[in-house]
Amino acid sequence: METNHTGTYQKRITITPSLCDASFSLGIAQQFALLQDIAAEHAEALGVGGAAMTERGAFWLAVHTRVTFFDTADMMAPLTVTTWPVRCAGEDLRLYRLYRIESEGRVLCEGRTEWMILNTKTGRLLRARDAGFPTDMDYCDEQVCVEPFSRVSDTFTEDDVVYRRKAVFSDIDYGAHMNNVAYVRAMLDIFTAEQMRRLRVKSMEIRYHEPCREGDVFAVCRKETETGYVFAIKKPDGKLSATAILTV
């Protein structure tokens, strides 16, 4: 593990079996997990990790993530995972973090996440300075995934429901709701292993609306589009929990 630069965090790992999908390659959901994990590690190094934020009565919320896929790598290949926050000001409510995964000189994916910080006592959003986020770091100004985030309208009906299931223990994180990557897995579980082998996924973009909690029975919906698929996860009351766009 190494920090190259105050505003950039990088680590080198190997594609172990737990990071692979059925095709023996680094999986899509697993790449989302790697980005989530390195963001948490960098936040810890910056003094705004989970424990520090809990002490301040604050909690990181991922609002929107897009990952663009360029290439893949097989089990036991080396990976370099890099992350850096976008330059921000103390009064900002919306913060952005960028990512890149590489293997042996090839860029496998790049990503962007929009984050907000929740005051767990009041339920209101905190500005960067009020949450203790360091805005005076030596920022890296390289930009990736610069296209504006998309929106998915709630036009899903009962005919679009592919399956329903309960949010269980393995889905739940320390915030007492479904982990961000659990939504990605639930959406991709619509496909069979053979279908995923045939798909050439160009990007996946997911927006988080209202969290599912342990015991909620949620519906996973899918519509086919000219460029791929759109998804929704709906809570028991019919409200959107997450929406996503898969481009192929």
Protein backbone atom coordinates (compact mmCIF):
# COMPACT_ATOMS: atom_id res chain seq x y z
CA MET A 1 0.00 0.00 0.00
CA GLU A 2 1.29 3.46 -0.74
CA THR A 3 0.21 7.08 -0.84
CA ASN A 4 1.87 8.86 -3.76
CA HIS A 5 0.53 12.29 -3.07
CA THR A 6 -1.70 13.73 -0.39
CA GLY A 7 -4.71 13.93 -2.67
CA THR A 8 -4.13 10.59 -4.42
CA TYR A 9 -4.27 7.14 -2.87
CA GLN A 10 -3.06 3.99 -4.60
CA LYS A 11 -2.71 0.31 -3.78
CA ARG A 12 -1.51 -2.79 -5.60
CA ILE A 13 -3.30 -6.11 -5.25
CA THR A 14 -3.77 -9.42 -7.08
CA ILE A 15 -7.01 -10.65 -8.66
CA THR A 16 -7.82 -13.44 -6.21
CA PRO A 17 -10.75 -15.87 -6.68
CA SER A 18 -13.11 -13.71 -4.60
CA LEU A 19 -12.66 -10.89 -7.13
CA CYS A 20 -13.56 -13.06 -10.13
CA ASP A 21 -16.91 -13.82 -11.73
CA ALA A 22 -17.92 -17.02 -13.54
CA SER A 23 -15.70 -16.15 -16.51
CA PHE A 24 -12.47 -16.38 -14.45
CA SER A 25 -12.05 -12.60 -14.83
CA LEU A 26 -12.37 -9.56 -12.59
CA GLY A 27 -16.13 -9.12 -12.12
CA ILE A 28 -18.25 -5.98 -12.49
CA ALA A 29 -19.65 -6.02 -8.97
CA GLN A 30 -16.19 -6.80 -7.65
CA GLN A 31 -14.83 -3.68 -9.35
CA PHE A 32 -17.51 -1.59 -7.65
CA ALA A 33 -16.41 -3.18 -4.37
CA LEU A 34 -12.74 -2.33 -5.02
CA LEU A 35 -13.65 1.31 -5.65
CA GLN A 36 -15.77 1.46 -2.50
CA ASP A 37 -12.97 -0.08 -0.45
CA ILE A 38 -10.18 2.19 -1.69
CA ALA A 39 -12.40 5.25 -1.10
CA ALA A 40 -12.81 4.09 2.51
CA GLU A 41 -9.06 3.57 2.89
CA HIS A 42 -8.26 7.02 1.52
CA ALA A 43 -10.92 8.62 3.73
CA GLU A 44 -9.27 6.93 6.71
CA ALA A 45 -5.88 8.34 5.69
CA LEU A 46 -7.44 11.81 5.39
CA GLY A 47 -9.01 11.60 8.85
CA VAL A 48 -12.59 11.27 7.61
CA GLY A 49 -13.01 7.49 7.76
CA GLY A 50 -15.99 5.67 9.23
CA ALA A 51 -14.96 5.81 12.89
CA ALA A 52 -13.91 9.47 12.75
CA MET A 53 -17.17 10.46 11.05
CA THR A 54 -19.22 8.48 13.58
CA GLU A 55 -17.55 10.43 16.39
CA ARG A 56 -18.65 13.64 14.65
CA GLY A 57 -22.20 12.37 14.23
CA ALA A 58 -21.73 12.14 10.46
CA PHE A 59 -22.10 9.43 7.82
CA TRP A 60 -20.89 9.22 4.21
CA LEU A 61 -23.68 8.74 1.64
CA ALA A 62 -22.91 7.59 -1.90
CA VAL A 63 -25.49 9.29 -4.12
CA HIS A 64 -24.43 8.29 -7.62
CA THR A 65 -21.66 6.18 -9.16
CA ARG A 66 -20.66 5.59 -12.76
CA VAL A 67 -18.00 3.09 -13.83
CA THR A 68 -16.79 2.88 -17.44
CA PHE A 69 -15.22 -0.43 -18.45
CA PHE A 70 -12.46 -0.65 -21.05
CA ASP A 71 -10.83 -4.04 -20.58
CA THR A 72 -10.64 -6.99 -18.22
CA ALA A 73 -8.01 -9.17 -16.55
CA ASP A 74 -7.97 -12.76 -15.36
CA MET A 75 -7.42 -14.38 -12.00
CA MET A 76 -4.00 -13.79 -10.40
CA ALA A 77 -3.20 -10.80 -12.62
CA PRO A 78 -1.78 -7.76 -10.77
CA LEU A 79 -3.98 -4.71 -10.24
CA THR A 80 -3.25 -1.09 -9.40
CA VAL A 81 -6.26 0.72 -7.90
CA THR A 82 -6.08 4.52 -7.62
CA THR A 83 -8.49 7.11 -6.23
CA TRP A 84 -8.49 10.88 -5.82
CA PRO A 85 -11.16 13.41 -4.72
CA VAL A 86 -12.22 16.26 -6.98
CA ARG A 87 -11.17 19.70 -5.76
CA CYS A 88 -13.86 21.15 -3.50
CA ALA A 89 -14.57 24.09 -1.22
CA GLY A 90 -15.52 24.10 2.44
CA GLU A 91 -19.11 25.12 1.74
CA ASP A 92 -19.76 22.29 -0.73
CA LEU A 93 -22.51 19.79 0.05
CA ARG A 94 -21.71 17.52 -2.90
CA LEU A 95 -18.29 15.94 -3.10
CA TYR A 96 -16.85 13.87 -5.94
CA ARG A 97 -14.26 11.11 -6.01
CA LEU A 98 -12.59 9.56 -9.07
CA TYR A 99 -11.07 6.12 -9.60
CA ARG A 100 -8.99 4.01 -11.96
CA ILE A 101 -8.16 0.29 -12.02
CA GLU A 102 -5.20 -0.82 -14.16
CA SER A 103 -3.45 -4.09 -14.88
CA GLU A 104 -0.01 -4.35 -16.47
CA GLY A 105 -0.31 -0.99 -18.20
CA ARG A 106 -3.91 -1.46 -19.34
CA VAL A 107 -6.76 0.66 -17.94
CA LEU A 108 -9.57 -1.72 -16.97
CA CYS A 109 -12.05 0.86 -15.71
CA GLU A 110 -12.52 4.44 -14.54
CA GLY A 111 -15.20 5.73 -12.21
CA ARG A 112 -16.78 8.72 -10.53
CA THR A 113 -18.87 8.86 -7.34
CA GLU A 114 -20.96 11.70 -5.97
CA TRP A 115 -20.94 11.74 -2.16
CA MET A 116 -22.79 13.70 0.50
CA ILE A 117 -22.35 13.77 4.27
CA LEU A 118 -25.33 13.21 6.54
CA ASN A 119 -25.66 14.58 10.07
CA THR A 120 -26.95 11.45 11.81
CA LYS A 121 -28.52 13.45 14.64
CA THR A 122 -30.49 15.95 12.59
CA GLY A 123 -30.87 14.10 9.28
CA ARG A 124 -29.58 17.19 7.47
CA LEU A 125 -26.65 17.39 5.07
CA LEU A 126 -23.31 18.73 6.25
CA ARG A 127 -20.98 21.00 4.33
CA ALA A 128 -17.46 19.70 3.77
CA ARG A 129 -15.86 21.97 6.36
CA ASP A 130 -18.47 21.15 9.02
CA ALA A 131 -17.75 17.43 8.60
CA GLY A 132 -14.01 17.97 8.88
CA PHE A 133 -13.20 17.12 5.25
CA PRO A 134 -9.75 18.54 4.42
CA THR A 135 -10.22 20.92 1.49
CA ASP A 136 -6.63 22.21 1.47
CA MET A 137 -4.93 18.99 0.33
CA ASP A 138 -2.61 18.76 -2.66
CA TYR A 139 -5.34 17.87 -5.15
CA CYS A 140 -4.85 15.90 -8.34
CA ASP A 141 -6.82 17.75 -11.03
CA GLU A 142 -7.04 14.90 -13.56
CA GLN A 143 -10.66 14.27 -14.57
CA VAL A 144 -12.30 11.01 -15.67
CA CYS A 145 -15.93 10.06 -16.38
CA VAL A 146 -16.76 13.72 -16.95
CA GLU A 147 -20.21 13.19 -18.52
CA PRO A 148 -23.12 14.40 -16.37
CA PHE A 149 -24.85 11.71 -14.35
CA SER A 150 -28.05 10.34 -15.87
CA ARG A 151 -31.50 9.88 -14.36
CA VAL A 152 -33.86 6.93 -14.65
CA SER A 153 -37.57 7.76 -14.52
CA ASP A 154 -39.83 5.53 -12.46
CA THR A 155 -41.88 4.02 -15.29
CA PHE A 156 -41.45 0.48 -13.97
CA THR A 157 -44.58 -1.64 -13.61
CA GLU A 158 -45.32 -5.09 -12.27
CA ASP A 159 -44.53 -6.48 -15.72
CA ASP A 160 -40.93 -5.29 -15.31
CA VAL A 161 -40.34 -7.19 -12.04
CA VAL A 162 -37.87 -10.02 -12.66
CA TYR A 163 -37.69 -11.29 -9.09
CA ARG A 164 -38.22 -10.36 -5.47
CA ARG A 165 -36.10 -11.19 -2.48
CA LYS A 166 -35.48 -10.22 1.10
CA ALA A 167 -32.60 -8.03 2.22
CA VAL A 168 -30.59 -10.40 4.41
CA PHE A 169 -27.64 -10.23 6.79
CA SER A 170 -24.98 -10.48 4.05
CA ASP A 171 -26.44 -7.40 2.31
CA ILE A 172 -26.28 -5.13 5.36
CA ASP A 173 -23.40 -2.82 6.25
CA TYR A 174 -22.51 -0.89 9.40
CA GLY A 175 -25.03 1.82 8.45
CA ALA A 176 -27.80 -0.77 9.05
CA HIS A 177 -28.93 -0.71 5.41
CA MET A 178 -28.02 -2.50 2.19
CA ASN A 179 -24.43 -1.94 1.17
CA ASN A 180 -23.95 -0.01 -2.08
CA VAL A 181 -22.40 -3.01 -3.83
CA ALA A 182 -25.27 -5.28 -2.74
CA TYR A 183 -27.55 -3.27 -5.06
CA VAL A 184 -25.19 -3.84 -7.98
CA ARG A 185 -25.14 -7.58 -7.27
CA ALA A 186 -28.94 -7.74 -6.98
CA MET A 187 -29.34 -6.08 -10.38
CA LEU A 188 -26.72 -8.20 -12.14
CA ASP A 189 -28.21 -11.37 -10.62
CA ILE A 190 -31.02 -10.92 -13.15
CA PHE A 191 -28.64 -12.37 -15.74
CA THR A 192 -27.33 -15.92 -15.95
CA ALA A 193 -23.61 -16.63 -15.97
CA GLU A 194 -23.80 -17.44 -19.69
CA GLN A 195 -25.62 -14.18 -20.45
CA MET A 196 -22.97 -12.21 -18.55
CA ARG A 197 -20.21 -13.95 -20.52
CA ARG A 198 -21.80 -12.77 -23.76
CA LEU A 199 -22.45 -9.19 -22.65
CA ARG A 200 -19.80 -6.62 -23.43
CA VAL A 201 -20.56 -4.11 -20.71
CA LYS A 202 -19.35 -0.59 -21.51
CA SER A 203 -20.55 1.16 -18.37
CA MET A 204 -22.79 0.87 -15.34
CA GLU A 205 -24.27 3.84 -13.56
CA ILE A 206 -26.23 3.51 -10.32
CA ARG A 207 -28.15 6.08 -8.29
CA TYR A 208 -29.14 5.48 -4.67
CA HIS A 209 -32.51 6.82 -3.54
CA GLU A 210 -33.84 5.38 -0.26
CA PRO A 211 -32.09 2.51 1.54
CA CYS A 212 -33.44 -1.00 1.92
CA ARG A 213 -33.03 -2.40 5.41
CA GLU A 214 -32.69 -5.92 6.71
CA GLY A 215 -35.95 -7.83 6.22
CA ASP A 216 -37.31 -5.60 3.44
CA VAL A 217 -38.64 -7.62 0.52
CA PHE A 218 -37.60 -5.64 -2.54
CA ALA A 219 -38.46 -6.00 -6.22
CA VAL A 220 -35.74 -6.03 -8.87
CA CYS A 221 -37.01 -4.57 -12.16
CA ARG A 222 -35.48 -4.42 -15.63
CA LYS A 223 -36.29 -2.79 -18.96
CA GLU A 224 -34.35 -3.32 -22.17
CA THR A 225 -33.27 -0.21 -24.10
CA GLU A 226 -31.55 0.49 -27.41
CA THR A 227 -28.18 0.70 -25.65
CA GLY A 228 -28.61 -1.90 -22.91
CA TYR A 229 -30.82 -2.04 -19.83
CA VAL A 230 -32.25 0.10 -17.06
CA PHE A 231 -32.94 -1.30 -13.62
CA ALA A 232 -34.80 -0.37 -10.48
CA ILE A 233 -34.90 -1.80 -7.00
CA LYS A 234 -38.19 -0.98 -5.31
CA LYS A 235 -38.92 -1.08 -1.62
CA PRO A 236 -42.00 -2.84 -0.17
CA ASP A 237 -43.92 0.47 -0.28
CA GLY A 238 -43.13 0.87 -4.00
CA LYS A 239 -40.59 3.67 -3.52
CA LEU A 240 -37.34 3.55 -5.45
CA SER A 241 -34.35 2.32 -3.52
CA ALA A 242 -31.90 2.37 -6.43
CA THR A 243 -31.91 2.81 -10.20
CA ALA A 244 -29.21 1.94 -12.71
CA ILE A 245 -28.22 2.04 -16.37
CA LEU A 246 -26.18 -0.75 -17.95
CA THR A 247 -24.71 0.14 -21.35
CA VAL A 248 -23.55 -2.68 -23.60
